Amino acid sequence: MSDLCFLGNTRANNMLQRQANCNLKVNGCNKIYNPICGSDGITYANECLLCLENKKRQTSILVEKSGPC
């Protein structure tokens, strides 16, 4: 099955992925624990931390799902 795109979301291997909502104008993230699972299989404490990881590593890790991996 080929990937389908829906308004910034992609469906791959029957899992819905989306781009992280990144506002990187600030250099830090809040400490609110709202875990998300990244497409790299790592659980991030919140979406902002996933965004910082993308910026640091120059990658495009997607949000696999809300909650831990």
N, C-alpha and C. Protein backbone atom coordinates (compact mmCIF):
# COMPACT_ATOMS: atom_id res chain seq x y z
N MET A 1 0.85 -1.19 0.00
CA MET A 1 0.00 0.00 0.00
C MET A 1 0.89 1.24 0.00
N SER A 2 0.61 2.15 -0.87
CA SER A 2 1.41 3.37 -0.92
C SER A 2 0.97 4.32 0.18
N ASP A 3 1.87 5.25 0.52
CA ASP A 3 1.56 6.25 1.53
C ASP A 3 0.50 7.21 1.00
N LEU A 4 -0.43 7.57 1.85
CA LEU A 4 -1.46 8.55 1.51
C LEU A 4 -1.26 9.78 2.36
N CYS A 5 -1.45 10.94 1.77
CA CYS A 5 -1.28 12.19 2.51
C CYS A 5 -2.64 12.81 2.80
N PHE A 6 -2.84 13.26 4.03
CA PHE A 6 -4.07 13.92 4.45
C PHE A 6 -3.71 15.15 5.26
N LEU A 7 -3.73 16.34 4.68
CA LEU A 7 -3.51 17.59 5.41
C LEU A 7 -2.33 17.53 6.36
N GLY A 8 -1.19 17.10 5.88
CA GLY A 8 0.01 17.06 6.71
C GLY A 8 0.19 15.75 7.45
N ASN A 9 -0.77 14.86 7.39
CA ASN A 9 -0.63 13.55 8.02
C ASN A 9 -0.28 12.53 6.95
N THR A 10 0.46 11.52 7.32
CA THR A 10 0.75 10.44 6.39
C THR A 10 0.34 9.13 7.02
N ARG A 11 -0.19 8.23 6.21
CA ARG A 11 -0.54 6.91 6.70
C ARG A 11 0.49 5.94 6.14
N ALA A 12 1.21 5.27 7.03
CA ALA A 12 2.23 4.32 6.62
C ALA A 12 2.11 3.10 7.53
N ASN A 13 2.10 1.93 6.93
CA ASN A 13 1.99 0.69 7.69
C ASN A 13 0.79 0.73 8.65
N ASN A 14 -0.35 1.27 8.17
CA ASN A 14 -1.58 1.35 8.96
C ASN A 14 -1.46 2.18 10.22
N MET A 15 -0.48 3.07 10.32
CA MET A 15 -0.33 3.95 11.47
C MET A 15 -0.41 5.39 10.98
N LEU A 16 -1.12 6.22 11.69
CA LEU A 16 -1.25 7.62 11.31
C LEU A 16 -0.11 8.41 11.91
N GLN A 17 0.67 9.07 11.08
CA GLN A 17 1.78 9.90 11.53
C GLN A 17 1.47 11.34 11.15
N ARG A 18 2.05 12.27 11.90
CA ARG A 18 1.87 13.68 11.55
C ARG A 18 3.15 14.44 11.87
N GLN A 19 3.30 15.56 11.22
CA GLN A 19 4.40 16.46 11.51
C GLN A 19 4.21 17.03 12.91
N ALA A 20 5.28 17.22 13.62
CA ALA A 20 5.21 17.86 14.93
C ALA A 20 4.86 19.33 14.75
N ASN A 21 4.11 19.88 15.68
CA ASN A 21 3.75 21.30 15.66
C ASN A 21 4.89 22.07 16.33
N CYS A 22 5.84 22.52 15.53
CA CYS A 22 7.06 23.15 16.06
C CYS A 22 7.01 24.66 15.93
N ASN A 23 7.22 25.33 17.04
CA ASN A 23 7.39 26.77 17.06
C ASN A 23 8.76 27.00 17.68
N LEU A 24 9.79 26.97 16.85
CA LEU A 24 11.16 27.01 17.35
C LEU A 24 11.70 28.42 17.52
N LYS A 25 10.83 29.39 17.68
CA LYS A 25 11.28 30.75 17.97
C LYS A 25 11.80 30.85 19.39
N VAL A 26 11.38 29.93 20.24
CA VAL A 26 11.88 29.88 21.61
C VAL A 26 12.94 28.80 21.69
N ASN A 27 13.90 28.96 22.57
CA ASN A 27 15.00 28.00 22.66
C ASN A 27 14.79 26.94 23.73
N GLY A 28 13.67 26.98 24.42
CA GLY A 28 13.45 26.00 25.47
C GLY A 28 12.03 25.47 25.42
N CYS A 29 11.81 24.40 26.16
CA CYS A 29 10.50 23.77 26.22
C CYS A 29 9.97 23.82 27.65
N ASN A 30 8.65 23.76 27.78
CA ASN A 30 8.08 23.69 29.12
C ASN A 30 8.32 22.29 29.69
N LYS A 31 8.05 22.13 30.96
CA LYS A 31 8.30 20.86 31.63
C LYS A 31 7.03 20.04 31.82
N ILE A 32 5.98 20.40 31.09
CA ILE A 32 4.73 19.66 31.20
C ILE A 32 4.90 18.30 30.53
N TYR A 33 4.58 17.24 31.28
CA TYR A 33 4.71 15.88 30.76
C TYR A 33 3.46 15.53 29.96
N ASN A 34 3.63 15.43 28.66
CA ASN A 34 2.56 15.06 27.74
C ASN A 34 3.21 14.19 26.68
N PRO A 35 3.51 12.91 27.01
CA PRO A 35 4.35 12.08 26.17
C PRO A 35 3.78 11.83 24.78
N ILE A 36 4.69 11.76 23.82
CA ILE A 36 4.35 11.38 22.45
C ILE A 36 5.39 10.39 21.97
N CYS A 37 4.97 9.54 21.05
CA CYS A 37 5.86 8.54 20.46
C CYS A 37 6.35 9.07 19.12
N GLY A 38 7.65 9.17 18.96
CA GLY A 38 8.23 9.61 17.70
C GLY A 38 8.37 8.47 16.72
N SER A 39 8.45 8.80 15.45
CA SER A 39 8.60 7.78 14.41
C SER A 39 9.93 7.06 14.49
N ASP A 40 10.83 7.54 15.37
CA ASP A 40 12.11 6.87 15.60
C ASP A 40 12.01 5.85 16.73
N GLY A 41 10.80 5.65 17.28
CA GLY A 41 10.60 4.68 18.34
C GLY A 41 10.94 5.18 19.73
N ILE A 42 11.23 6.47 19.86
CA ILE A 42 11.59 7.07 21.15
C ILE A 42 10.39 7.84 21.69
N THR A 43 10.14 7.69 23.00
CA THR A 43 9.10 8.47 23.67
C THR A 43 9.69 9.80 24.11
N TYR A 44 9.07 10.89 23.69
CA TYR A 44 9.49 12.24 24.08
C TYR A 44 8.52 12.76 25.13
N ALA A 45 9.02 13.49 26.12
CA ALA A 45 8.19 13.98 27.22
C ALA A 45 7.10 14.92 26.73
N ASN A 46 7.35 15.64 25.64
CA ASN A 46 6.33 16.48 25.02
C ASN A 46 6.75 16.79 23.59
N GLU A 47 5.85 17.36 22.83
CA GLU A 47 6.08 17.62 21.41
C GLU A 47 7.21 18.60 21.17
N CYS A 48 7.37 19.56 22.07
CA CYS A 48 8.44 20.54 21.94
C CYS A 48 9.81 19.86 21.97
N LEU A 49 9.97 18.87 22.85
CA LEU A 49 11.26 18.17 22.93
C LEU A 49 11.54 17.37 21.66
N LEU A 50 10.50 16.83 21.03
CA LEU A 50 10.69 16.17 19.74
C LEU A 50 11.16 17.20 18.71
N CYS A 51 10.57 18.39 18.72
CA CYS A 51 10.97 19.45 17.79
C CYS A 51 12.43 19.85 18.00
N LEU A 52 12.84 19.99 19.25
CA LEU A 52 14.24 20.34 19.53
C LEU A 52 15.18 19.25 19.04
N GLU A 53 14.78 17.99 19.18
CA GLU A 53 15.60 16.88 18.68
C GLU A 53 15.72 16.94 17.16
N ASN A 54 14.61 17.24 16.48
CA ASN A 54 14.66 17.40 15.02
C ASN A 54 15.62 18.52 14.63
N LYS A 55 15.55 19.64 15.35
CA LYS A 55 16.43 20.78 15.05
C LYS A 55 17.88 20.41 15.30
N LYS A 56 18.14 19.76 16.43
CA LYS A 56 19.51 19.40 16.81
C LYS A 56 20.13 18.41 15.82
N ARG A 57 19.36 17.39 15.44
CA ARG A 57 19.87 16.33 14.57
C ARG A 57 19.59 16.59 13.09
N GLN A 58 18.87 17.68 12.79
CA GLN A 58 18.47 18.01 11.42
C GLN A 58 17.76 16.82 10.77
N THR A 59 16.73 16.32 11.49
CA THR A 59 15.94 15.19 11.01
C THR A 59 14.48 15.61 10.90
N SER A 60 13.65 14.70 10.50
CA SER A 60 12.21 14.94 10.39
C SER A 60 11.45 13.82 11.09
N ILE A 61 11.69 13.69 12.39
CA ILE A 61 10.98 12.69 13.17
C ILE A 61 9.52 13.12 13.24
N LEU A 62 8.61 12.21 12.95
CA LEU A 62 7.19 12.50 12.97
C LEU A 62 6.59 12.06 14.30
N VAL A 63 5.39 12.55 14.60
CA VAL A 63 4.64 12.09 15.76
C VAL A 63 3.91 10.82 15.33
N GLU A 64 4.27 9.71 15.92
CA GLU A 64 3.64 8.42 15.61
C GLU A 64 2.28 8.31 16.29
N LYS A 65 2.23 8.70 17.57
CA LYS A 65 0.97 8.65 18.32
C LYS A 65 1.13 9.45 19.61
N SER A 66 0.01 9.80 20.22
CA SER A 66 0.03 10.40 21.55
C SER A 66 0.27 9.29 22.56
N GLY A 67 1.01 9.60 23.61
CA GLY A 67 1.34 8.60 24.61
C GLY A 67 2.69 7.98 24.34
N PRO A 68 3.16 7.17 25.28
CA PRO A 68 4.48 6.55 25.12
C PRO A 68 4.49 5.51 24.01
N CYS A 69 5.67 5.22 23.49
CA CYS A 69 5.83 4.20 22.44
C CYS A 69 5.56 2.81 23.00
